[in-house]
Amino acid sequence: MQGPLYKGVMKGYHLYVSGDVQQVGFRWYTRQIAQETGVYGWVKNLDDGRVEIMVEGEEAALDSFLQKIQNGYLGKNISEINKFDQLYTGRFTSFKITF
């Protein structure tokens, strides 16, 4: 009998990032960190100046993703992150920048 396909709890986060996060490469920064941490989803700019992120993966990977977003070189541009837990859907197969 095979074990589960993952080792940890799978979940999702819906994030709204405020601060100086547009026109500084923040979406590309986010995609790079997603690829490094092995999480999937998307990132896009909002008309109100925030960045919206939908991300899914193993809970430990999501926590690493969030920590790296905040502590990386563009983390200084973040004034606030609103995080909403989401149920894992498994619908994402990569991490994309959405326009």
N, C-alpha and C. Protein backbone atom coordinates (compact mmCIF):
# COMPACT_ATOMS: atom_id res chain seq x y z
N MET A 1 0.83 -1.18 0.00
CA MET A 1 0.00 0.00 0.00
C MET A 1 0.88 1.24 0.00
N GLN A 2 0.55 2.21 -0.89
CA GLN A 2 1.33 3.43 -0.98
C GLN A 2 0.91 4.43 0.09
N GLY A 3 1.88 5.26 0.51
CA GLY A 3 1.60 6.32 1.45
C GLY A 3 1.04 7.54 0.73
N PRO A 4 0.78 8.60 1.46
CA PRO A 4 0.25 9.82 0.84
C PRO A 4 1.26 10.44 -0.11
N LEU A 5 0.78 11.25 -1.02
CA LEU A 5 1.64 11.91 -2.00
C LEU A 5 2.42 13.07 -1.39
N TYR A 6 2.09 13.48 -0.20
CA TYR A 6 2.76 14.58 0.47
C TYR A 6 3.01 14.19 1.92
N LYS A 7 3.95 14.90 2.54
CA LYS A 7 4.33 14.57 3.92
C LYS A 7 3.60 15.44 4.94
N GLY A 8 3.23 16.66 4.55
CA GLY A 8 2.61 17.57 5.50
C GLY A 8 1.19 17.92 5.11
N VAL A 9 0.63 18.80 5.88
CA VAL A 9 -0.73 19.26 5.64
C VAL A 9 -0.73 20.20 4.43
N MET A 10 -1.66 19.97 3.52
CA MET A 10 -1.79 20.82 2.34
C MET A 10 -2.84 21.88 2.63
N LYS A 11 -2.54 23.13 2.25
CA LYS A 11 -3.49 24.21 2.48
C LYS A 11 -3.23 25.33 1.50
N GLY A 12 -3.98 26.39 1.62
CA GLY A 12 -3.82 27.55 0.76
C GLY A 12 -3.88 28.84 1.56
N TYR A 13 -3.27 29.88 1.00
CA TYR A 13 -3.35 31.22 1.55
C TYR A 13 -3.82 32.17 0.46
N HIS A 14 -4.68 33.09 0.82
CA HIS A 14 -5.06 34.19 -0.04
C HIS A 14 -4.50 35.43 0.64
N LEU A 15 -3.56 36.11 -0.03
CA LEU A 15 -2.83 37.21 0.58
C LEU A 15 -3.09 38.52 -0.14
N TYR A 16 -3.17 39.59 0.62
CA TYR A 16 -3.21 40.94 0.09
C TYR A 16 -2.04 41.69 0.70
N VAL A 17 -1.11 42.13 -0.16
CA VAL A 17 0.12 42.76 0.30
C VAL A 17 0.05 44.26 0.01
N SER A 18 0.25 45.06 1.07
CA SER A 18 0.22 46.52 0.95
C SER A 18 1.61 47.08 1.13
N GLY A 19 1.81 48.29 0.61
CA GLY A 19 3.09 48.98 0.72
C GLY A 19 3.53 49.45 -0.65
N ASP A 20 4.82 49.66 -0.80
CA ASP A 20 5.39 50.04 -2.10
C ASP A 20 5.71 48.76 -2.85
N VAL A 21 4.66 48.09 -3.34
CA VAL A 21 4.82 46.75 -3.93
C VAL A 21 4.46 46.71 -5.41
N GLN A 22 4.22 47.85 -6.01
CA GLN A 22 3.98 47.89 -7.45
C GLN A 22 5.08 48.72 -8.10
N GLN A 23 5.43 48.34 -9.33
CA GLN A 23 6.47 48.98 -10.12
C GLN A 23 7.86 48.85 -9.50
N VAL A 24 8.06 47.77 -8.73
CA VAL A 24 9.38 47.49 -8.15
C VAL A 24 9.82 46.05 -8.43
N GLY A 25 9.06 45.32 -9.26
CA GLY A 25 9.38 43.93 -9.56
C GLY A 25 8.86 42.95 -8.53
N PHE A 26 7.87 43.35 -7.75
CA PHE A 26 7.39 42.50 -6.66
C PHE A 26 6.75 41.20 -7.16
N ARG A 27 6.05 41.24 -8.28
CA ARG A 27 5.42 40.01 -8.80
C ARG A 27 6.49 39.00 -9.22
N TRP A 28 7.56 39.48 -9.85
CA TRP A 28 8.64 38.57 -10.26
C TRP A 28 9.38 38.04 -9.04
N TYR A 29 9.57 38.90 -8.06
CA TYR A 29 10.17 38.52 -6.77
C TYR A 29 9.34 37.40 -6.13
N THR A 30 8.02 37.58 -6.13
CA THR A 30 7.11 36.60 -5.55
C THR A 30 7.18 35.28 -6.30
N ARG A 31 7.19 35.34 -7.63
CA ARG A 31 7.26 34.11 -8.43
C ARG A 31 8.57 33.36 -8.16
N GLN A 32 9.68 34.08 -8.05
CA GLN A 32 10.97 33.43 -7.76
C GLN A 32 10.92 32.71 -6.42
N ILE A 33 10.36 33.35 -5.41
CA ILE A 33 10.27 32.73 -4.09
C ILE A 33 9.33 31.52 -4.12
N ALA A 34 8.24 31.63 -4.88
CA ALA A 34 7.33 30.49 -5.02
C ALA A 34 8.05 29.30 -5.64
N GLN A 35 8.86 29.55 -6.66
CA GLN A 35 9.60 28.47 -7.30
C GLN A 35 10.62 27.86 -6.35
N GLU A 36 11.26 28.69 -5.55
CA GLU A 36 12.25 28.20 -4.58
C GLU A 36 11.61 27.35 -3.49
N THR A 37 10.40 27.69 -3.09
CA THR A 37 9.76 27.00 -1.97
C THR A 37 8.80 25.89 -2.41
N GLY A 38 8.54 25.79 -3.72
CA GLY A 38 7.70 24.70 -4.22
C GLY A 38 6.22 24.88 -4.00
N VAL A 39 5.75 26.13 -4.03
CA VAL A 39 4.32 26.39 -3.89
C VAL A 39 3.76 26.83 -5.24
N TYR A 40 2.45 26.72 -5.40
CA TYR A 40 1.79 27.02 -6.68
C TYR A 40 0.67 28.02 -6.49
N GLY A 41 0.37 28.77 -7.56
CA GLY A 41 -0.72 29.73 -7.52
C GLY A 41 -0.48 30.86 -8.49
N TRP A 42 -0.79 32.09 -8.05
CA TRP A 42 -0.62 33.26 -8.91
C TRP A 42 -0.44 34.52 -8.07
N VAL A 43 0.03 35.57 -8.75
CA VAL A 43 0.21 36.89 -8.15
C VAL A 43 -0.22 37.93 -9.17
N LYS A 44 -0.87 39.00 -8.69
CA LYS A 44 -1.27 40.08 -9.60
C LYS A 44 -1.35 41.41 -8.86
N ASN A 45 -1.18 42.49 -9.61
CA ASN A 45 -1.36 43.83 -9.08
C ASN A 45 -2.85 44.15 -9.02
N LEU A 46 -3.24 44.91 -8.01
CA LEU A 46 -4.60 45.40 -7.90
C LEU A 46 -4.62 46.91 -8.20
N ASP A 47 -5.76 47.40 -8.63
CA ASP A 47 -5.89 48.81 -8.98
C ASP A 47 -5.66 49.75 -7.80
N ASP A 48 -5.83 49.25 -6.58
CA ASP A 48 -5.67 50.10 -5.40
C ASP A 48 -4.23 50.16 -4.88
N GLY A 49 -3.28 49.58 -5.63
CA GLY A 49 -1.86 49.63 -5.24
C GLY A 49 -1.37 48.43 -4.47
N ARG A 50 -2.27 47.54 -4.08
CA ARG A 50 -1.86 46.31 -3.39
C ARG A 50 -1.51 45.23 -4.41
N VAL A 51 -0.92 44.16 -3.91
CA VAL A 51 -0.66 42.96 -4.70
C VAL A 51 -1.46 41.83 -4.07
N GLU A 52 -2.13 41.05 -4.90
CA GLU A 52 -2.92 39.90 -4.45
C GLU A 52 -2.19 38.62 -4.82
N ILE A 53 -2.14 37.69 -3.88
CA ILE A 53 -1.47 36.40 -4.09
C ILE A 53 -2.40 35.28 -3.65
N MET A 54 -2.56 34.29 -4.51
CA MET A 54 -3.25 33.05 -4.15
C MET A 54 -2.19 31.96 -4.27
N VAL A 55 -1.99 31.22 -3.18
CA VAL A 55 -0.92 30.24 -3.16
C VAL A 55 -1.36 28.99 -2.41
N GLU A 56 -0.93 27.84 -2.92
CA GLU A 56 -1.24 26.55 -2.29
C GLU A 56 0.02 25.70 -2.20
N GLY A 57 0.01 24.80 -1.24
CA GLY A 57 1.11 23.86 -1.10
C GLY A 57 1.13 23.25 0.28
N GLU A 58 2.22 22.58 0.58
CA GLU A 58 2.41 22.01 1.90
C GLU A 58 2.54 23.15 2.92
N GLU A 59 1.94 23.00 4.06
CA GLU A 59 1.91 24.07 5.06
C GLU A 59 3.31 24.62 5.37
N ALA A 60 4.29 23.75 5.53
CA ALA A 60 5.65 24.21 5.84
C ALA A 60 6.21 25.03 4.68
N ALA A 61 5.92 24.64 3.44
CA ALA A 61 6.39 25.39 2.27
C ALA A 61 5.70 26.76 2.20
N LEU A 62 4.41 26.80 2.51
CA LEU A 62 3.69 28.08 2.51
C LEU A 62 4.26 29.03 3.56
N ASP A 63 4.57 28.49 4.73
CA ASP A 63 5.14 29.33 5.79
C ASP A 63 6.52 29.84 5.39
N SER A 64 7.31 29.00 4.73
CA SER A 64 8.61 29.41 4.22
C SER A 64 8.45 30.50 3.16
N PHE A 65 7.49 30.32 2.25
CA PHE A 65 7.19 31.30 1.22
C PHE A 65 6.86 32.65 1.85
N LEU A 66 5.99 32.66 2.82
CA LEU A 66 5.58 33.89 3.47
C LEU A 66 6.74 34.56 4.20
N GLN A 67 7.55 33.77 4.86
CA GLN A 67 8.71 34.31 5.57
C GLN A 67 9.72 34.92 4.60
N LYS A 68 9.96 34.24 3.47
CA LYS A 68 10.92 34.76 2.48
C LYS A 68 10.40 36.02 1.80
N ILE A 69 9.09 36.09 1.57
CA ILE A 69 8.50 37.30 0.99
C ILE A 69 8.78 38.49 1.91
N GLN A 70 8.60 38.28 3.20
CA GLN A 70 8.77 39.36 4.17
C GLN A 70 10.23 39.71 4.44
N ASN A 71 11.12 38.72 4.38
CA ASN A 71 12.51 38.94 4.78
C ASN A 71 13.46 39.12 3.62
N GLY A 72 12.99 38.94 2.38
CA GLY A 72 13.85 39.11 1.21
C GLY A 72 14.10 40.59 0.91
N TYR A 73 14.82 40.84 -0.18
CA TYR A 73 15.24 42.21 -0.48
C TYR A 73 14.08 43.16 -0.75
N LEU A 74 12.91 42.70 -1.17
CA LEU A 74 11.76 43.58 -1.34
C LEU A 74 10.81 43.56 -0.15
N GLY A 75 11.15 42.79 0.85
CA GLY A 75 10.33 42.75 2.06
C GLY A 75 10.23 44.10 2.75
N LYS A 76 11.25 44.92 2.60
CA LYS A 76 11.25 46.25 3.20
C LYS A 76 10.15 47.14 2.62
N ASN A 77 9.65 46.78 1.44
CA ASN A 77 8.59 47.56 0.78
C ASN A 77 7.20 47.23 1.32
N ILE A 78 7.09 46.16 2.08
CA ILE A 78 5.79 45.70 2.57
C ILE A 78 5.43 46.43 3.85
N SER A 79 4.23 47.01 3.87
CA SER A 79 3.75 47.63 5.12
C SER A 79 2.78 46.71 5.85
N GLU A 80 2.08 45.82 5.09
CA GLU A 80 1.11 44.93 5.73
C GLU A 80 0.80 43.77 4.80
N ILE A 81 0.57 42.60 5.40
CA ILE A 81 0.07 41.44 4.66
C ILE A 81 -1.18 40.95 5.36
N ASN A 82 -2.29 40.94 4.64
CA ASN A 82 -3.53 40.35 5.15
C ASN A 82 -3.59 38.93 4.61
N LYS A 83 -3.64 37.97 5.51
CA LYS A 83 -3.60 36.55 5.14
C LYS A 83 -4.91 35.88 5.52
N PHE A 84 -5.48 35.17 4.55
CA PHE A 84 -6.70 34.41 4.77
C PHE A 84 -6.41 32.95 4.42
N ASP A 85 -6.63 32.06 5.37
CA ASP A 85 -6.45 30.63 5.10
C ASP A 85 -7.51 30.15 4.12
N GLN A 86 -7.10 29.27 3.21
CA GLN A 86 -7.99 28.71 2.22
C GLN A 86 -7.86 27.18 2.25
N LEU A 87 -8.90 26.51 1.85
CA LEU A 87 -8.82 25.06 1.68
C LEU A 87 -7.95 24.75 0.48
N TYR A 88 -7.18 23.69 0.57
CA TYR A 88 -6.36 23.24 -0.55
C TYR A 88 -7.26 22.67 -1.64
N THR A 89 -7.06 23.13 -2.89
CA THR A 89 -7.86 22.64 -4.01
C THR A 89 -7.06 21.76 -4.97
N GLY A 90 -5.75 21.97 -5.03
CA GLY A 90 -4.92 21.22 -5.97
C GLY A 90 -5.07 21.66 -7.41
N ARG A 91 -5.70 22.81 -7.64
CA ARG A 91 -5.97 23.25 -9.02
C ARG A 91 -4.77 23.90 -9.70
N PHE A 92 -3.74 24.26 -8.95
CA PHE A 92 -2.58 24.93 -9.53
C PHE A 92 -1.46 23.93 -9.80
N THR A 93 -0.79 24.10 -10.93
CA THR A 93 0.33 23.23 -11.29
C THR A 93 1.62 24.03 -11.46
N SER A 94 1.54 25.34 -11.27
CA SER A 94 2.72 26.21 -11.37
C SER A 94 2.39 27.50 -10.62
N PHE A 95 3.31 28.44 -10.66
CA PHE A 95 3.06 29.76 -10.08
C PHE A 95 3.19 30.79 -11.19
N LYS A 96 2.14 31.58 -11.41
CA LYS A 96 2.09 32.48 -12.55
C LYS A 96 1.90 33.92 -12.11
N ILE A 97 2.42 34.82 -12.92
CA ILE A 97 2.15 36.24 -12.80
C ILE A 97 0.93 36.52 -13.66
N THR A 98 -0.09 37.10 -13.06
CA THR A 98 -1.34 37.41 -13.76
C THR A 98 -1.42 38.92 -13.95
N PHE A 99 -1.94 39.31 -15.08
CA PHE A 99 -2.07 40.74 -15.39
C PHE A 99 -3.52 41.15 -15.45
